[in-house]
Amino acid sequence: MADVRVICAIGRSGQLGLGGGMPWEGRTERAFVEDVERFFEITRGHVLIAGPKTVASFPDFAHDERTIVAIHSKDEPEEVLSRFPGRVVYIGGGPAVWTAYSRFVRHWDVNTVPYDGEADTWFDPAWLLAGGTARRD
């Protein structure tokens, strides 16, 4: 079985998304830039699975440094994960993907960024209870 993990960022109040993206997307303050850099550093050399829109948003260099796989709602999580025995697999995406895969997640790495504005999607602590350990910065 794969070693399944999530690395994600949330706002100070648990904000996760706005209009299909991250509410702080494009912000150039150091904390936001460091969060993106950290994501790409930690996932380097590993498998990253996400929905097609998320996969399409990754820069070209990301595809050279990790195995990126687009998943769909019809895909069975067990079957997808079985393709990567012994590998570290990061689950990218958001609520629908994390709800489907949370029971397999061994480790959640949740980084809080200095954002406290509008959102239409929130982090659900129930995801943490479905799988393994959690780390929150």
N, C-alpha and C. Protein backbone atom coordinates (compact mmCIF):
# COMPACT_ATOMS: atom_id res chain seq x y z
N MET A 1 0.85 -1.19 0.00
CA MET A 1 0.00 0.00 0.00
C MET A 1 0.89 1.24 0.00
N ALA A 2 0.40 2.28 -0.59
CA ALA A 2 1.10 3.57 -0.64
C ALA A 2 1.07 4.23 0.73
N ASP A 3 2.03 5.10 0.97
CA ASP A 3 2.07 5.95 2.17
C ASP A 3 1.34 7.23 1.79
N VAL A 4 0.09 7.36 2.20
CA VAL A 4 -0.79 8.44 1.73
C VAL A 4 -0.74 9.63 2.67
N ARG A 5 -0.53 10.80 2.10
CA ARG A 5 -0.39 12.03 2.87
C ARG A 5 -1.13 13.18 2.19
N VAL A 6 -1.36 14.24 2.97
CA VAL A 6 -1.90 15.48 2.43
C VAL A 6 -1.03 16.61 2.96
N ILE A 7 -0.71 17.56 2.10
CA ILE A 7 -0.09 18.81 2.51
C ILE A 7 -0.99 19.91 1.95
N CYS A 8 -1.44 20.80 2.84
CA CYS A 8 -2.34 21.86 2.37
C CYS A 8 -2.17 23.10 3.23
N ALA A 9 -2.73 24.18 2.76
CA ALA A 9 -2.73 25.45 3.49
C ALA A 9 -4.16 25.87 3.74
N ILE A 10 -4.36 26.47 4.90
CA ILE A 10 -5.66 27.03 5.24
C ILE A 10 -5.46 28.42 5.81
N GLY A 11 -6.51 29.22 5.76
CA GLY A 11 -6.47 30.54 6.38
C GLY A 11 -6.61 30.44 7.89
N ARG A 12 -6.49 31.55 8.56
CA ARG A 12 -6.53 31.58 10.03
C ARG A 12 -7.82 31.02 10.62
N SER A 13 -8.90 31.10 9.87
CA SER A 13 -10.18 30.60 10.36
C SER A 13 -10.60 29.31 9.65
N GLY A 14 -9.65 28.64 9.01
CA GLY A 14 -9.93 27.40 8.31
C GLY A 14 -10.35 27.57 6.86
N GLN A 15 -10.21 28.78 6.32
CA GLN A 15 -10.56 29.02 4.92
C GLN A 15 -9.69 28.14 4.03
N LEU A 16 -10.35 27.61 3.01
CA LEU A 16 -9.65 26.70 2.11
C LEU A 16 -9.78 27.13 0.65
N GLY A 17 -10.94 27.61 0.26
CA GLY A 17 -11.15 27.95 -1.13
C GLY A 17 -12.11 29.10 -1.34
N LEU A 18 -12.03 29.67 -2.53
CA LEU A 18 -12.93 30.75 -2.94
C LEU A 18 -13.02 30.72 -4.46
N GLY A 19 -14.21 30.50 -4.98
CA GLY A 19 -14.42 30.51 -6.42
C GLY A 19 -13.60 29.47 -7.18
N GLY A 20 -13.33 28.33 -6.55
CA GLY A 20 -12.59 27.27 -7.22
C GLY A 20 -11.08 27.35 -7.08
N GLY A 21 -10.59 28.35 -6.36
CA GLY A 21 -9.15 28.47 -6.12
C GLY A 21 -8.89 28.76 -4.66
N MET A 22 -7.65 29.00 -4.33
CA MET A 22 -7.32 29.39 -2.96
C MET A 22 -7.58 30.89 -2.82
N PRO A 23 -8.18 31.32 -1.72
CA PRO A 23 -8.53 32.74 -1.57
C PRO A 23 -7.32 33.67 -1.65
N TRP A 24 -6.16 33.18 -1.31
CA TRP A 24 -4.94 34.00 -1.30
C TRP A 24 -4.09 33.80 -2.54
N GLU A 25 -4.63 33.08 -3.53
CA GLU A 25 -3.88 32.81 -4.75
C GLU A 25 -3.35 34.09 -5.39
N GLY A 26 -2.08 34.07 -5.74
CA GLY A 26 -1.44 35.22 -6.38
C GLY A 26 -0.86 36.23 -5.42
N ARG A 27 -1.09 36.06 -4.10
CA ARG A 27 -0.51 36.99 -3.14
C ARG A 27 1.00 36.81 -3.12
N THR A 28 1.71 37.91 -3.03
CA THR A 28 3.17 37.86 -3.12
C THR A 28 3.88 38.07 -1.79
N GLU A 29 3.12 38.21 -0.70
CA GLU A 29 3.77 38.33 0.59
C GLU A 29 4.55 37.05 0.89
N ARG A 30 5.64 37.20 1.62
CA ARG A 30 6.58 36.10 1.86
C ARG A 30 5.90 34.84 2.39
N ALA A 31 4.97 34.95 3.32
CA ALA A 31 4.33 33.77 3.92
C ALA A 31 3.61 32.93 2.86
N PHE A 32 3.00 33.58 1.88
CA PHE A 32 2.28 32.86 0.84
C PHE A 32 3.24 32.22 -0.16
N VAL A 33 4.28 32.95 -0.51
CA VAL A 33 5.30 32.41 -1.42
C VAL A 33 6.00 31.22 -0.77
N GLU A 34 6.35 31.34 0.51
CA GLU A 34 7.01 30.24 1.22
C GLU A 34 6.12 29.01 1.28
N ASP A 35 4.82 29.20 1.44
CA ASP A 35 3.91 28.06 1.48
C ASP A 35 3.93 27.30 0.16
N VAL A 36 3.89 28.01 -0.95
CA VAL A 36 3.93 27.36 -2.27
C VAL A 36 5.27 26.66 -2.47
N GLU A 37 6.36 27.33 -2.12
CA GLU A 37 7.69 26.73 -2.24
C GLU A 37 7.79 25.46 -1.42
N ARG A 38 7.26 25.49 -0.21
CA ARG A 38 7.29 24.34 0.69
C ARG A 38 6.50 23.18 0.09
N PHE A 39 5.33 23.46 -0.48
CA PHE A 39 4.52 22.42 -1.12
C PHE A 39 5.32 21.71 -2.21
N PHE A 40 5.94 22.47 -3.09
CA PHE A 40 6.68 21.86 -4.19
C PHE A 40 7.94 21.16 -3.70
N GLU A 41 8.57 21.66 -2.66
CA GLU A 41 9.76 20.99 -2.11
C GLU A 41 9.38 19.64 -1.48
N ILE A 42 8.35 19.63 -0.67
CA ILE A 42 7.96 18.41 0.04
C ILE A 42 7.43 17.33 -0.90
N THR A 43 6.72 17.72 -1.94
CA THR A 43 6.15 16.73 -2.85
C THR A 43 7.13 16.26 -3.93
N ARG A 44 8.28 16.91 -4.03
CA ARG A 44 9.28 16.54 -5.05
C ARG A 44 9.67 15.07 -4.90
N GLY A 45 9.67 14.36 -6.02
CA GLY A 45 10.08 12.96 -6.05
C GLY A 45 8.97 11.98 -5.67
N HIS A 46 7.81 12.50 -5.34
CA HIS A 46 6.71 11.64 -4.90
C HIS A 46 5.58 11.66 -5.93
N VAL A 47 4.51 10.96 -5.60
CA VAL A 47 3.32 10.92 -6.43
C VAL A 47 2.36 11.99 -5.91
N LEU A 48 1.73 12.70 -6.81
CA LEU A 48 0.74 13.71 -6.45
C LEU A 48 -0.50 13.43 -7.28
N ILE A 49 -1.61 13.09 -6.60
CA ILE A 49 -2.86 12.85 -7.31
C ILE A 49 -3.84 13.96 -6.97
N ALA A 50 -4.59 14.38 -7.96
CA ALA A 50 -5.54 15.48 -7.79
C ALA A 50 -6.55 15.44 -8.92
N GLY A 51 -7.59 16.21 -8.78
CA GLY A 51 -8.57 16.35 -9.84
C GLY A 51 -7.97 17.04 -11.06
N PRO A 52 -8.62 16.91 -12.21
CA PRO A 52 -8.08 17.46 -13.45
C PRO A 52 -7.82 18.96 -13.42
N LYS A 53 -8.70 19.75 -12.78
CA LYS A 53 -8.48 21.20 -12.73
C LYS A 53 -7.25 21.54 -11.90
N THR A 54 -7.05 20.83 -10.80
CA THR A 54 -5.87 21.07 -9.97
C THR A 54 -4.61 20.66 -10.73
N VAL A 55 -4.64 19.50 -11.36
CA VAL A 55 -3.49 19.04 -12.14
C VAL A 55 -3.14 20.05 -13.23
N ALA A 56 -4.15 20.59 -13.90
CA ALA A 56 -3.91 21.56 -14.97
C ALA A 56 -3.28 22.85 -14.45
N SER A 57 -3.47 23.14 -13.17
CA SER A 57 -2.94 24.38 -12.61
C SER A 57 -1.46 24.28 -12.21
N PHE A 58 -0.89 23.08 -12.19
CA PHE A 58 0.51 22.94 -11.79
C PHE A 58 1.43 23.47 -12.87
N PRO A 59 2.49 24.18 -12.48
CA PRO A 59 3.45 24.67 -13.48
C PRO A 59 4.19 23.51 -14.14
N ASP A 60 4.77 23.76 -15.31
CA ASP A 60 5.46 22.72 -16.07
C ASP A 60 6.53 22.01 -15.26
N PHE A 61 7.33 22.76 -14.48
CA PHE A 61 8.42 22.12 -13.74
C PHE A 61 7.92 21.07 -12.76
N ALA A 62 6.70 21.24 -12.27
CA ALA A 62 6.14 20.29 -11.30
C ALA A 62 6.00 18.90 -11.91
N HIS A 63 5.71 18.83 -13.19
CA HIS A 63 5.53 17.54 -13.85
C HIS A 63 6.86 16.82 -14.04
N ASP A 64 7.97 17.55 -14.07
CA ASP A 64 9.29 16.96 -14.24
C ASP A 64 9.81 16.35 -12.94
N GLU A 65 9.33 16.84 -11.81
CA GLU A 65 9.92 16.48 -10.52
C GLU A 65 9.06 15.58 -9.66
N ARG A 66 7.91 15.18 -10.15
CA ARG A 66 7.01 14.30 -9.39
C ARG A 66 6.10 13.59 -10.37
N THR A 67 5.52 12.49 -9.93
CA THR A 67 4.54 11.77 -10.74
C THR A 67 3.18 12.38 -10.45
N ILE A 68 2.58 13.02 -11.44
CA ILE A 68 1.28 13.68 -11.25
C ILE A 68 0.22 12.91 -12.01
N VAL A 69 -0.85 12.59 -11.28
CA VAL A 69 -1.92 11.78 -11.86
C VAL A 69 -3.26 12.49 -11.63
N ALA A 70 -4.02 12.68 -12.71
CA ALA A 70 -5.36 13.26 -12.59
C ALA A 70 -6.34 12.14 -12.23
N ILE A 71 -7.15 12.40 -11.22
CA ILE A 71 -8.16 11.43 -10.80
C ILE A 71 -9.55 12.01 -11.06
N HIS A 72 -10.53 11.13 -11.11
CA HIS A 72 -11.91 11.53 -11.38
C HIS A 72 -12.82 10.91 -10.34
N SER A 73 -14.02 11.44 -10.21
CA SER A 73 -14.95 10.97 -9.19
C SER A 73 -15.32 9.50 -9.37
N LYS A 74 -15.25 8.99 -10.59
CA LYS A 74 -15.59 7.58 -10.83
C LYS A 74 -14.47 6.64 -10.40
N ASP A 75 -13.26 7.17 -10.18
CA ASP A 75 -12.12 6.34 -9.78
C ASP A 75 -12.28 5.86 -8.34
N GLU A 76 -12.01 4.60 -8.10
CA GLU A 76 -12.05 4.03 -6.76
C GLU A 76 -10.71 4.33 -6.07
N PRO A 77 -10.74 4.97 -4.91
CA PRO A 77 -9.47 5.30 -4.22
C PRO A 77 -8.55 4.09 -4.03
N GLU A 78 -9.10 2.94 -3.66
CA GLU A 78 -8.26 1.76 -3.46
C GLU A 78 -7.51 1.38 -4.73
N GLU A 79 -8.20 1.46 -5.86
CA GLU A 79 -7.57 1.10 -7.13
C GLU A 79 -6.49 2.11 -7.50
N VAL A 80 -6.77 3.39 -7.32
CA VAL A 80 -5.78 4.42 -7.65
C VAL A 80 -4.54 4.24 -6.78
N LEU A 81 -4.73 4.09 -5.49
CA LEU A 81 -3.59 3.96 -4.57
C LEU A 81 -2.82 2.66 -4.81
N SER A 82 -3.48 1.62 -5.26
CA SER A 82 -2.80 0.34 -5.49
C SER A 82 -1.78 0.44 -6.62
N ARG A 83 -1.85 1.48 -7.44
CA ARG A 83 -0.88 1.67 -8.53
C ARG A 83 0.48 2.12 -8.02
N PHE A 84 0.56 2.51 -6.74
CA PHE A 84 1.79 3.11 -6.22
C PHE A 84 2.27 2.43 -4.94
N PRO A 85 2.43 1.10 -4.95
CA PRO A 85 2.85 0.41 -3.74
C PRO A 85 4.23 0.89 -3.27
N GLY A 86 4.33 1.15 -1.97
CA GLY A 86 5.60 1.58 -1.40
C GLY A 86 5.98 3.02 -1.68
N ARG A 87 5.18 3.75 -2.42
CA ARG A 87 5.48 5.15 -2.75
C ARG A 87 4.77 6.08 -1.78
N VAL A 88 5.31 7.28 -1.63
CA VAL A 88 4.61 8.35 -0.92
C VAL A 88 3.67 9.00 -1.92
N VAL A 89 2.38 9.06 -1.56
CA VAL A 89 1.37 9.64 -2.43
C VAL A 89 0.72 10.81 -1.71
N TYR A 90 0.82 11.99 -2.30
CA TYR A 90 0.15 13.18 -1.76
C TYR A 90 -1.18 13.35 -2.48
N ILE A 91 -2.22 13.60 -1.70
CA ILE A 91 -3.55 13.81 -2.25
C ILE A 91 -3.78 15.31 -2.35
N GLY A 92 -3.83 15.83 -3.57
CA GLY A 92 -4.11 17.24 -3.78
C GLY A 92 -5.58 17.41 -4.12
N GLY A 93 -6.03 18.61 -4.04
CA GLY A 93 -7.42 18.79 -4.46
C GLY A 93 -8.19 19.67 -3.52
N GLY A 94 -9.11 19.11 -2.83
CA GLY A 94 -9.98 19.88 -1.95
C GLY A 94 -11.03 18.97 -1.38
N PRO A 95 -12.16 19.53 -0.95
CA PRO A 95 -13.16 18.76 -0.21
C PRO A 95 -13.59 17.43 -0.84
N ALA A 96 -13.93 17.42 -2.11
CA ALA A 96 -14.41 16.16 -2.71
C ALA A 96 -13.33 15.10 -2.70
N VAL A 97 -12.12 15.49 -3.05
CA VAL A 97 -11.01 14.53 -3.10
C VAL A 97 -10.65 14.08 -1.69
N TRP A 98 -10.53 15.00 -0.76
CA TRP A 98 -10.15 14.63 0.60
C TRP A 98 -11.23 13.80 1.28
N THR A 99 -12.48 14.05 0.98
CA THR A 99 -13.55 13.22 1.54
C THR A 99 -13.41 11.78 1.03
N ALA A 100 -13.13 11.62 -0.25
CA ALA A 100 -12.99 10.29 -0.83
C ALA A 100 -11.75 9.55 -0.34
N TYR A 101 -10.66 10.27 -0.08
CA TYR A 101 -9.38 9.63 0.25
C TYR A 101 -8.99 9.73 1.72
N SER A 102 -9.72 10.48 2.53
CA SER A 102 -9.27 10.75 3.91
C SER A 102 -9.05 9.49 4.74
N ARG A 103 -9.81 8.45 4.50
CA ARG A 103 -9.64 7.24 5.31
C ARG A 103 -8.30 6.55 5.06
N PHE A 104 -7.63 6.90 3.97
CA PHE A 104 -6.33 6.31 3.64
C PHE A 104 -5.15 7.19 4.07
N VAL A 105 -5.44 8.44 4.43
CA VAL A 105 -4.38 9.40 4.72
C VAL A 105 -3.74 9.08 6.07
N ARG A 106 -2.44 8.86 6.03
CA ARG A 106 -1.67 8.56 7.24
C ARG A 106 -1.20 9.83 7.94
N HIS A 107 -0.97 10.89 7.16
CA HIS A 107 -0.42 12.12 7.74
C HIS A 107 -0.98 13.35 7.02
N TRP A 108 -1.52 14.28 7.82
CA TRP A 108 -2.00 15.57 7.31
C TRP A 108 -1.01 16.64 7.73
N ASP A 109 -0.49 17.38 6.79
CA ASP A 109 0.42 18.51 7.05
C ASP A 109 -0.36 19.76 6.67
N VAL A 110 -0.91 20.45 7.68
CA VAL A 110 -1.78 21.59 7.44
C VAL A 110 -1.05 22.86 7.87
N ASN A 111 -0.78 23.73 6.93
CA ASN A 111 -0.08 24.98 7.19
C ASN A 111 -1.09 26.13 7.24
N THR A 112 -1.06 26.90 8.31
CA THR A 112 -1.94 28.06 8.42
C THR A 112 -1.22 29.28 7.86
N VAL A 113 -1.83 29.91 6.87
CA VAL A 113 -1.26 31.12 6.28
C VAL A 113 -1.99 32.34 6.85
N PRO A 114 -1.37 33.51 6.79
CA PRO A 114 -1.96 34.71 7.39
C PRO A 114 -3.07 35.34 6.55
N TYR A 115 -4.09 34.57 6.30
CA TYR A 115 -5.26 35.03 5.54
C TYR A 115 -6.47 34.91 6.45
N ASP A 116 -7.27 35.96 6.51
CA ASP A 116 -8.48 35.90 7.33
C ASP A 116 -9.64 36.60 6.63
N GLY A 117 -9.74 36.36 5.33
CA GLY A 117 -10.78 37.01 4.54
C GLY A 117 -11.85 36.04 4.09
N GLU A 118 -12.48 36.40 3.00
CA GLU A 118 -13.61 35.68 2.43
C GLU A 118 -13.23 34.28 1.96
N ALA A 119 -14.19 33.35 2.05
CA ALA A 119 -14.01 32.00 1.54
C ALA A 119 -15.39 31.39 1.29
N ASP A 120 -15.42 30.39 0.42
CA ASP A 120 -16.66 29.64 0.24
C ASP A 120 -16.46 28.15 0.51
N THR A 121 -15.24 27.79 0.85
CA THR A 121 -14.89 26.41 1.18
C THR A 121 -14.01 26.44 2.42
N TRP A 122 -14.30 25.50 3.33
CA TRP A 122 -13.60 25.47 4.62
C TRP A 122 -12.99 24.10 4.87
N PHE A 123 -11.91 24.06 5.62
CA PHE A 123 -11.29 22.80 6.01
C PHE A 123 -12.21 22.07 6.98
N ASP A 124 -12.41 20.79 6.76
CA ASP A 124 -13.29 19.98 7.62
C ASP A 124 -12.43 19.11 8.55
N PRO A 125 -12.42 19.40 9.85
CA PRO A 125 -11.62 18.61 10.79
C PRO A 125 -11.97 17.12 10.79
N ALA A 126 -13.15 16.75 10.31
CA ALA A 126 -13.53 15.34 10.24
C ALA A 126 -12.57 14.55 9.35
N TRP A 127 -11.96 15.21 8.36
CA TRP A 127 -10.99 14.52 7.51
C TRP A 127 -9.84 13.98 8.35
N LEU A 128 -9.42 14.75 9.36
CA LEU A 128 -8.30 14.33 10.20
C LEU A 128 -8.63 13.07 10.99
N LEU A 129 -9.87 12.92 11.36
CA LEU A 129 -10.29 11.79 12.19
C LEU A 129 -10.43 10.51 11.39
N ALA A 130 -10.54 10.62 10.08
CA ALA A 130 -10.76 9.45 9.24
C ALA A 130 -9.49 8.65 9.00
N GLY A 131 -8.32 9.32 9.15
CA GLY A 131 -7.07 8.63 8.80
C GLY A 131 -6.05 8.66 9.91
N GLY A 132 -4.88 9.21 9.62
CA GLY A 132 -3.74 9.12 10.52
C GLY A 132 -3.46 10.37 11.31
N THR A 133 -2.18 10.71 11.45
CA THR A 133 -1.73 11.81 12.30
C THR A 133 -1.89 13.15 11.60
N ALA A 134 -1.90 14.21 12.38
CA ALA A 134 -2.01 15.57 11.82
C ALA A 134 -0.89 16.42 12.37
N ARG A 135 -0.38 17.31 11.56
CA ARG A 135 0.61 18.30 11.96
C ARG A 135 0.08 19.64 11.48
N ARG A 136 0.08 20.61 12.35
CA ARG A 136 -0.45 21.91 11.97
C ARG A 136 0.53 22.98 12.35
N ASP A 137 0.88 23.83 11.37
CA ASP A 137 1.80 24.96 11.62
C ASP A 137 0.99 26.21 11.82
